Amino acid sequence: MNSLAEYSSPLIYESEYGGYTDDFDVFCSTVTKGEALDIACGTGRNT
């Protein structure tokens, strides 16, 4: 498997990083209530 293969398959990415939540506090502390734009990049785990 090449070094970028994990990013070409959502199933592989989620199996490796789906349980990682250490960065949620950073995202949640910077977002205020209101509207958000999801530009459909990645698996959507932060939205």
PDB file of N, CA and C in Angstrom:
ATOM      1  N   MET A   1       0.854  -1.181   0.000  1.00  0.00           N
ATOM      2  CA  MET A   1       0.000   0.000   0.000  1.00  0.00           C
ATOM      3  C   MET A   1       0.896   1.240   0.000  1.00  0.00           C
ATOM      4  N   ASN A   2       0.616   2.164  -0.914  1.00  0.00           N
ATOM      5  CA  ASN A   2       1.429   3.376  -0.944  1.00  0.00           C
ATOM      6  C   ASN A   2       1.015   4.310   0.198  1.00  0.00           C
ATOM      7  N   SER A   3       1.754   5.351   0.392  1.00  0.00           N
ATOM      8  CA  SER A   3       1.537   6.234   1.542  1.00  0.00           C
ATOM      9  C   SER A   3       0.235   7.036   1.460  1.00  0.00           C
ATOM     10  N   LEU A   4      -0.364   7.145   0.303  1.00  0.00           N
ATOM     11  CA  LEU A   4      -1.603   7.903   0.163  1.00  0.00           C
ATOM     12  C   LEU A   4      -2.834   7.020   0.022  1.00  0.00           C
ATOM     13  N   ALA A   5      -2.672   5.705   0.021  1.00  0.00           N
ATOM     14  CA  ALA A   5      -3.793   4.786  -0.194  1.00  0.00           C
ATOM     15  C   ALA A   5      -4.874   4.957   0.858  1.00  0.00           C
ATOM     16  N   GLU A   6      -4.487   5.234   2.093  1.00  0.00           N
ATOM     17  CA  GLU A   6      -5.486   5.368   3.144  1.00  0.00           C
ATOM     18  C   GLU A   6      -6.444   6.531   2.897  1.00  0.00           C
ATOM     19  N   TYR A   7      -6.013   7.518   2.128  1.00  0.00           N
ATOM     20  CA  TYR A   7      -6.858   8.677   1.851  1.00  0.00           C
ATOM     21  C   TYR A   7      -7.757   8.467   0.641  1.00  0.00           C
ATOM     22  N   SER A   8      -7.519   7.438  -0.147  1.00  0.00           N
ATOM     23  CA  SER A   8      -8.346   7.194  -1.321  1.00  0.00           C
ATOM     24  C   SER A   8      -9.572   6.345  -1.001  1.00  0.00           C
ATOM     25  N   SER A   9      -9.609   5.759   0.174  1.00  0.00           N
ATOM     26  CA  SER A   9     -10.745   4.931   0.564  1.00  0.00           C
ATOM     27  C   SER A   9     -11.307   5.397   1.902  1.00  0.00           C
ATOM     28  N   PRO A  10     -12.547   5.884   1.926  1.00  0.00           N
ATOM     29  CA  PRO A  10     -13.135   6.311   3.194  1.00  0.00           C
ATOM     30  C   PRO A  10     -13.184   5.185   4.232  1.00  0.00           C
ATOM     31  N   LEU A  11     -13.385   3.956   3.792  1.00  0.00           N
ATOM     32  CA  LEU A  11     -13.455   2.835   4.732  1.00  0.00           C
ATOM     33  C   LEU A  11     -12.125   2.603   5.434  1.00  0.00           C
ATOM     34  N   ILE A  12     -11.030   2.692   4.686  1.00  0.00           N
ATOM     35  CA  ILE A  12      -9.705   2.534   5.285  1.00  0.00           C
ATOM     36  C   ILE A  12      -9.411   3.697   6.221  1.00  0.00           C
ATOM     37  N   TYR A  13      -9.710   4.911   5.768  1.00  0.00           N
ATOM     38  CA  TYR A  13      -9.458   6.101   6.592  1.00  0.00           C
ATOM     39  C   TYR A  13     -10.233   6.020   7.900  1.00  0.00           C
ATOM     40  N   GLU A  14     -11.530   5.701   7.824  1.00  0.00           N
ATOM     41  CA  GLU A  14     -12.359   5.621   9.027  1.00  0.00           C
ATOM     42  C   GLU A  14     -11.892   4.510   9.965  1.00  0.00           C
ATOM     43  N   SER A  15     -11.415   3.397   9.399  1.00  0.00           N
ATOM     44  CA  SER A  15     -10.947   2.318  10.270  1.00  0.00           C
ATOM     45  C   SER A  15      -9.700   2.726  11.043  1.00  0.00           C
ATOM     46  N   GLU A  16      -8.892   3.609  10.470  1.00  0.00           N
ATOM     47  CA  GLU A  16      -7.668   4.047  11.136  1.00  0.00           C
ATOM     48  C   GLU A  16      -7.872   5.285  12.018  1.00  0.00           C
ATOM     49  N   TYR A  17      -8.713   6.216  11.593  1.00  0.00           N
ATOM     50  CA  TYR A  17      -8.826   7.501  12.281  1.00  0.00           C
ATOM     51  C   TYR A  17     -10.226   7.802  12.820  1.00  0.00           C
ATOM     52  N   GLY A  18     -11.198   6.940  12.562  1.00  0.00           N
ATOM     53  CA  GLY A  18     -12.574   7.188  12.953  1.00  0.00           C
ATOM     54  C   GLY A  18     -12.773   7.381  14.450  1.00  0.00           C
ATOM     55  N   GLY A  19     -11.937   6.757  15.270  1.00  0.00           N
ATOM     56  CA  GLY A  19     -12.073   6.886  16.714  1.00  0.00           C
ATOM     57  C   GLY A  19     -11.271   8.028  17.311  1.00  0.00           C
ATOM     58  N   TYR A  20     -10.524   8.749  16.479  1.00  0.00           N
ATOM     59  CA  TYR A  20      -9.688   9.851  16.966  1.00  0.00           C
ATOM     60  C   TYR A  20     -10.562  11.066  17.246  1.00  0.00           C
ATOM     61  N   THR A  21     -10.579  11.508  18.489  1.00  0.00           N
ATOM     62  CA  THR A  21     -11.420  12.646  18.852  1.00  0.00           C
ATOM     63  C   THR A  21     -10.664  13.745  19.589  1.00  0.00           C
ATOM     64  N   ASP A  22      -9.354  13.634  19.690  1.00  0.00           N
ATOM     65  CA  ASP A  22      -8.572  14.625  20.434  1.00  0.00           C
ATOM     66  C   ASP A  22      -8.689  16.042  19.862  1.00  0.00           C
ATOM     67  N   ASP A  23      -9.008  16.162  18.596  1.00  0.00           N
ATOM     68  CA  ASP A  23      -9.087  17.490  17.987  1.00  0.00           C
ATOM     69  C   ASP A  23     -10.485  18.112  18.070  1.00  0.00           C
ATOM     70  N   PHE A  24     -11.485  17.381  18.538  1.00  0.00           N
ATOM     71  CA  PHE A  24     -12.840  17.923  18.607  1.00  0.00           C
ATOM     72  C   PHE A  24     -12.936  19.134  19.531  1.00  0.00           C
ATOM     73  N   ASP A  25     -12.239  19.127  20.636  1.00  0.00           N
ATOM     74  CA  ASP A  25     -12.280  20.268  21.554  1.00  0.00           C
ATOM     75  C   ASP A  25     -11.790  21.540  20.884  1.00  0.00           C
ATOM     76  N   VAL A  26     -10.780  21.416  20.044  1.00  0.00           N
ATOM     77  CA  VAL A  26     -10.245  22.575  19.325  1.00  0.00           C
ATOM     78  C   VAL A  26     -11.310  23.123  18.378  1.00  0.00           C
ATOM     79  N   PHE A  27     -11.941  22.244  17.609  1.00  0.00           N
ATOM     80  CA  PHE A  27     -12.967  22.691  16.662  1.00  0.00           C
ATOM     81  C   PHE A  27     -14.183  23.261  17.384  1.00  0.00           C
ATOM     82  N   CYS A  28     -14.630  22.586  18.415  1.00  0.00           N
ATOM     83  CA  CYS A  28     -15.838  23.018  19.131  1.00  0.00           C
ATOM     84  C   CYS A  28     -15.633  24.341  19.855  1.00  0.00           C
ATOM     85  N   SER A  29     -14.428  24.621  20.288  1.00  0.00           N
ATOM     86  CA  SER A  29     -14.183  25.865  21.012  1.00  0.00           C
ATOM     87  C   SER A  29     -14.093  27.074  20.079  1.00  0.00           C
ATOM     88  N   THR A  30     -13.913  26.848  18.787  1.00  0.00           N
ATOM     89  CA  THR A  30     -13.787  27.969  17.857  1.00  0.00           C
ATOM     90  C   THR A  30     -15.064  28.241  17.071  1.00  0.00           C
ATOM     91  N   VAL A  31     -16.023  27.352  17.149  1.00  0.00           N
ATOM     92  CA  VAL A  31     -17.257  27.490  16.383  1.00  0.00           C
ATOM     93  C   VAL A  31     -18.350  28.074  17.275  1.00  0.00           C
ATOM     94  N   THR A  32     -19.039  29.050  16.736  1.00  0.00           N
ATOM     95  CA  THR A  32     -20.174  29.619  17.460  1.00  0.00           C
ATOM     96  C   THR A  32     -21.465  29.127  16.811  1.00  0.00           C
ATOM     97  N   LYS A  33     -22.569  29.267  17.510  1.00  0.00           N
ATOM     98  CA  LYS A  33     -23.848  28.833  16.981  1.00  0.00           C
ATOM     99  C   LYS A  33     -24.211  29.700  15.784  1.00  0.00           C
ATOM    100  N   GLY A  34     -24.648  29.048  14.722  1.00  0.00           N
ATOM    101  CA  GLY A  34     -25.033  29.775  13.527  1.00  0.00           C
ATOM    102  C   GLY A  34     -24.960  28.884  12.314  1.00  0.00           C
ATOM    103  N   GLU A  35     -24.704  29.459  11.192  1.00  0.00           N
ATOM    104  CA  GLU A  35     -24.643  28.723   9.949  1.00  0.00           C
ATOM    105  C   GLU A  35     -23.230  28.251   9.676  1.00  0.00           C
ATOM    106  N   ALA A  36     -23.127  27.153   8.924  1.00  0.00           N
ATOM    107  CA  ALA A  36     -21.812  26.614   8.554  1.00  0.00           C
ATOM    108  C   ALA A  36     -21.861  26.127   7.116  1.00  0.00           C
ATOM    109  N   LEU A  37     -20.754  26.178   6.464  1.00  0.00           N
ATOM    110  CA  LEU A  37     -20.626  25.688   5.098  1.00  0.00           C
ATOM    111  C   LEU A  37     -19.755  24.446   5.115  1.00  0.00           C
ATOM    112  N   ASP A  38     -20.304  23.330   4.664  1.00  0.00           N
ATOM    113  CA  ASP A  38     -19.547  22.093   4.551  1.00  0.00           C
ATOM    114  C   ASP A  38     -19.190  21.929   3.078  1.00  0.00           C
ATOM    115  N   ILE A  39     -17.907  22.049   2.756  1.00  0.00           N
ATOM    116  CA  ILE A  39     -17.494  22.021   1.350  1.00  0.00           C
ATOM    117  C   ILE A  39     -17.199  20.610   0.851  1.00  0.00           C
ATOM    118  N   ALA A  40     -17.642  19.608   1.589  1.00  0.00           N
ATOM    119  CA  ALA A  40     -17.566  18.208   1.165  1.00  0.00           C
ATOM    120  C   ALA A  40     -16.135  17.736   0.929  1.00  0.00           C
ATOM    121  N   CYS A  41     -15.255  18.075   1.818  1.00  0.00           N
ATOM    122  CA  CYS A  41     -13.894  17.579   1.754  1.00  0.00           C
ATOM    123  C   CYS A  41     -13.719  16.513   2.824  1.00  0.00           C
ATOM    124  N   GLY A  42     -13.260  15.362   2.430  1.00  0.00           N
ATOM    125  CA  GLY A  42     -13.011  14.300   3.396  1.00  0.00           C
ATOM    126  C   GLY A  42     -14.260  13.529   3.758  1.00  0.00           C
ATOM    127  N   THR A  43     -14.224  12.891   4.920  1.00  0.00           N
ATOM    128  CA  THR A  43     -15.298  11.999   5.342  1.00  0.00           C
ATOM    129  C   THR A  43     -16.406  12.719   6.087  1.00  0.00           C
ATOM    130  N   GLY A  44     -16.216  13.951   6.459  1.00  0.00           N
ATOM    131  CA  GLY A  44     -17.247  14.710   7.167  1.00  0.00           C
ATOM    132  C   GLY A  44     -17.234  14.499   8.667  1.00  0.00           C
ATOM    133  N   ARG A  45     -16.179  13.928   9.207  1.00  0.00           N
ATOM    134  CA  ARG A  45     -16.137  13.628  10.648  1.00  0.00           C
ATOM    135  C   ARG A  45     -16.168  14.879  11.500  1.00  0.00           C
ATOM    136  N   ASN A  46     -15.715  16.008  11.006  1.00  0.00           N
ATOM    137  CA  ASN A  46     -15.732  17.228  11.813  1.00  0.00           C
ATOM    138  C   ASN A  46     -17.068  17.947  11.764  1.00  0.00           C
ATOM    139  N   THR A  47     -17.878  17.668  10.753  1.00  0.00           N
ATOM    140  CA  THR A  47     -19.176  18.310  10.678  1.00  0.00           C
ATOM    141  C   THR A  47     -20.167  17.563  11.513  1.00  0.00           C
TER     142      THR A  47
END
